[in-house]
Amino acid sequence: MLIVFQSKAASDFVMLASHAHELLQIAGKAGQAPEGVFTAEQIPAALAALDQYSRDFDQRHPLAPDEVVDDQDDEAPGAAVPMRHRAQPLMEMLRLAAEQNTFVTWCLQK
């Protein structure tokens, strides 16, 4: 399943539901229905939580020496996109929405 994030402040983007749910949980929207909203008032706290998560990611999830992969080589064996990188589109949308004092929504793609 896919989740679509939308805001008047930025272009829509799509994310796998499993990744989106993890980021929504970090941003304080745990247990939400497959659709929801970050109001303008909720965005600063959500952005702060995601920013903290991004900064702490490497400390919480260190790679074993044999798992280290060049971040620039998507074809390398074991290459994966870290969640801190997956958070960037949502964080950017939240930043832009905060600047424009608007909201961000998400829903299942149909």
C-alpha atoms as a PDB file:
ATOM      1  CA  MET A   1       0.000   0.000   0.000  1.00  0.00           C
ATOM      2  CA  LEU A   2       1.040   3.566  -0.643  1.00  0.00           C
ATOM      3  CA  ILE A   3       0.438   6.759   1.318  1.00  0.00           C
ATOM      4  CA  VAL A   4       0.166  10.137  -0.431  1.00  0.00           C
ATOM      5  CA  PHE A   5       1.283  13.242   1.448  1.00  0.00           C
ATOM      6  CA  GLN A   6      -0.228  16.519   0.260  1.00  0.00           C
ATOM      7  CA  SER A   7       0.019  20.203   1.088  1.00  0.00           C
ATOM      8  CA  LYS A   8      -0.615  23.479  -0.673  1.00  0.00           C
ATOM      9  CA  ALA A   9       2.966  24.365   0.300  1.00  0.00           C
ATOM     10  CA  ALA A  10       4.721  21.613  -1.688  1.00  0.00           C
ATOM     11  CA  SER A  11       4.311  18.967  -4.349  1.00  0.00           C
ATOM     12  CA  ASP A  12       2.605  15.718  -3.380  1.00  0.00           C
ATOM     13  CA  PHE A  13       4.759  12.672  -2.767  1.00  0.00           C
ATOM     14  CA  VAL A  14       4.115   8.970  -2.264  1.00  0.00           C
ATOM     15  CA  MET A  15       5.659   6.618   0.286  1.00  0.00           C
ATOM     16  CA  LEU A  16       5.221   2.967   1.156  1.00  0.00           C
ATOM     17  CA  ALA A  17       2.649   2.701   3.946  1.00  0.00           C
ATOM     18  CA  SER A  18       5.033   0.812   6.235  1.00  0.00           C
ATOM     19  CA  HIS A  19       7.591   3.624   6.039  1.00  0.00           C
ATOM     20  CA  ALA A  20       4.956   6.338   6.290  1.00  0.00           C
ATOM     21  CA  HIS A  21       3.430   4.775   9.413  1.00  0.00           C
ATOM     22  CA  GLU A  22       6.818   4.645  11.101  1.00  0.00           C
ATOM     23  CA  LEU A  23       7.460   8.311  10.342  1.00  0.00           C
ATOM     24  CA  LEU A  24       3.953   9.292  11.416  1.00  0.00           C
ATOM     25  CA  GLN A  25       4.493   7.497  14.708  1.00  0.00           C
ATOM     26  CA  ILE A  26       7.734   9.400  15.264  1.00  0.00           C
ATOM     27  CA  ALA A  27       5.940  12.651  14.415  1.00  0.00           C
ATOM     28  CA  GLY A  28       3.265  12.032  17.047  1.00  0.00           C
ATOM     29  CA  LYS A  29       0.541  10.581  14.857  1.00  0.00           C
ATOM     30  CA  ALA A  30       0.712   6.966  16.104  1.00  0.00           C
ATOM     31  CA  GLY A  31      -2.415   4.905  15.679  1.00  0.00           C
ATOM     32  CA  GLN A  32      -3.950   7.323  13.198  1.00  0.00           C
ATOM     33  CA  ALA A  33      -6.345   6.097  10.541  1.00  0.00           C
ATOM     34  CA  PRO A  34      -4.950   5.611   7.047  1.00  0.00           C
ATOM     35  CA  GLU A  35      -5.619   9.309   6.576  1.00  0.00           C
ATOM     36  CA  GLY A  36      -4.983  12.333   8.713  1.00  0.00           C
ATOM     37  CA  VAL A  37      -3.665  15.848   9.021  1.00  0.00           C
ATOM     38  CA  PHE A  38      -0.878  17.841  10.590  1.00  0.00           C
ATOM     39  CA  THR A  39      -2.462  21.173  11.430  1.00  0.00           C
ATOM     40  CA  ALA A  40      -0.344  24.310  11.272  1.00  0.00           C
ATOM     41  CA  GLU A  41      -0.195  24.229  15.076  1.00  0.00           C
ATOM     42  CA  GLN A  42       1.022  20.596  15.158  1.00  0.00           C
ATOM     43  CA  ILE A  43       3.754  20.996  12.539  1.00  0.00           C
ATOM     44  CA  PRO A  44       6.525  22.490  14.741  1.00  0.00           C
ATOM     45  CA  ALA A  45       6.367  19.580  17.218  1.00  0.00           C
ATOM     46  CA  ALA A  46       6.198  16.994  14.421  1.00  0.00           C
ATOM     47  CA  LEU A  47       9.129  18.589  12.633  1.00  0.00           C
ATOM     48  CA  ALA A  48      11.169  18.724  15.850  1.00  0.00           C
ATOM     49  CA  ALA A  49      10.501  15.018  16.518  1.00  0.00           C
ATOM     50  CA  LEU A  50      11.480  14.003  12.978  1.00  0.00           C
ATOM     51  CA  ASP A  51      14.564  16.203  13.101  1.00  0.00           C
ATOM     52  CA  GLN A  52      15.653  14.647  16.397  1.00  0.00           C
ATOM     53  CA  TYR A  53      15.020  11.180  14.953  1.00  0.00           C
ATOM     54  CA  SER A  54      17.151  11.997  11.907  1.00  0.00           C
ATOM     55  CA  ARG A  55      20.034  13.299  14.014  1.00  0.00           C
ATOM     56  CA  ASP A  56      19.976  10.302  16.364  1.00  0.00           C
ATOM     57  CA  PHE A  57      19.457   7.617  13.712  1.00  0.00           C
ATOM     58  CA  ASP A  58      23.074   6.510  13.386  1.00  0.00           C
ATOM     59  CA  GLN A  59      23.483   6.212  17.145  1.00  0.00           C
ATOM     60  CA  ARG A  60      20.379   4.044  17.478  1.00  0.00           C
ATOM     61  CA  HIS A  61      21.047   1.881  14.409  1.00  0.00           C
ATOM     62  CA  PRO A  62      24.789   1.434  13.991  1.00  0.00           C
ATOM     63  CA  LEU A  63      25.812  -0.803  11.130  1.00  0.00           C
ATOM     64  CA  ALA A  64      28.109  -3.728  11.717  1.00  0.00           C
ATOM     65  CA  PRO A  65      31.422  -3.328   9.842  1.00  0.00           C
ATOM     66  CA  ASP A  66      30.349  -5.855   7.223  1.00  0.00           C
ATOM     67  CA  GLU A  67      27.066  -3.972   6.643  1.00  0.00           C
ATOM     68  CA  VAL A  68      28.635  -0.600   5.864  1.00  0.00           C
ATOM     69  CA  VAL A  69      27.637   0.446   2.354  1.00  0.00           C
ATOM     70  CA  ASP A  70      28.611   3.533   0.410  1.00  0.00           C
ATOM     71  CA  ASP A  71      25.525   5.804   0.650  1.00  0.00           C
ATOM     72  CA  GLN A  72      26.080   6.844  -2.959  1.00  0.00           C
ATOM     73  CA  ASP A  73      26.038   3.293  -4.365  1.00  0.00           C
ATOM     74  CA  ASP A  74      22.426   2.124  -4.676  1.00  0.00           C
ATOM     75  CA  GLU A  75      23.590  -0.994  -6.507  1.00  0.00           C
ATOM     76  CA  ALA A  76      25.920  -2.196  -3.740  1.00  0.00           C
ATOM     77  CA  PRO A  77      24.963  -5.456  -2.027  1.00  0.00           C
ATOM     78  CA  GLY A  78      22.908  -4.656   1.062  1.00  0.00           C
ATOM     79  CA  ALA A  79      22.231  -1.085  -0.056  1.00  0.00           C
ATOM     80  CA  ALA A  80      19.142   0.284   1.619  1.00  0.00           C
ATOM     81  CA  VAL A  81      17.652   3.704   2.139  1.00  0.00           C
ATOM     82  CA  PRO A  82      17.950   4.620   5.816  1.00  0.00           C
ATOM     83  CA  MET A  83      14.794   5.936   7.477  1.00  0.00           C
ATOM     84  CA  ARG A  84      16.519   9.251   8.178  1.00  0.00           C
ATOM     85  CA  HIS A  85      16.706   9.700   4.390  1.00  0.00           C
ATOM     86  CA  ARG A  86      13.111   8.562   3.909  1.00  0.00           C
ATOM     87  CA  ALA A  87      12.045  11.248   6.406  1.00  0.00           C
ATOM     88  CA  GLN A  88      13.482  14.093   4.302  1.00  0.00           C
ATOM     89  CA  PRO A  89      10.538  14.617   1.889  1.00  0.00           C
ATOM     90  CA  LEU A  90       8.082  14.755   4.795  1.00  0.00           C
ATOM     91  CA  MET A  91      10.337  17.078   6.773  1.00  0.00           C
ATOM     92  CA  GLU A  92      10.700  19.397   3.785  1.00  0.00           C
ATOM     93  CA  MET A  93       6.935  19.443   3.223  1.00  0.00           C
ATOM     94  CA  LEU A  94       6.379  20.211   6.910  1.00  0.00           C
ATOM     95  CA  ARG A  95       8.961  23.034   6.785  1.00  0.00           C
ATOM     96  CA  LEU A  96       7.312  24.603   3.756  1.00  0.00           C
ATOM     97  CA  ALA A  97       3.852  24.218   5.276  1.00  0.00           C
ATOM     98  CA  ALA A  98       5.065  25.893   8.482  1.00  0.00           C
ATOM     99  CA  GLU A  99       6.462  28.816   6.462  1.00  0.00           C
ATOM    100  CA  GLN A 100       3.097  29.236   4.732  1.00  0.00           C
ATOM    101  CA  ASN A 101       1.047  28.538   7.885  1.00  0.00           C
ATOM    102  CA  THR A 102      -0.873  25.748   6.188  1.00  0.00           C
ATOM    103  CA  PHE A 103      -1.451  22.036   6.834  1.00  0.00           C
ATOM    104  CA  VAL A 104      -0.215  18.662   5.562  1.00  0.00           C
ATOM    105  CA  THR A 105      -2.524  15.713   4.923  1.00  0.00           C
ATOM    106  CA  TRP A 106      -1.964  12.065   4.123  1.00  0.00           C
ATOM    107  CA  CYS A 107      -4.195   9.297   2.778  1.00  0.00           C
ATOM    108  CA  LEU A 108      -4.053   5.900   1.122  1.00  0.00           C
ATOM    109  CA  GLN A 109      -3.453   6.134  -2.597  1.00  0.00           C
ATOM    110  CA  LYS A 110      -6.434   4.852  -4.535  1.00  0.00           C
END
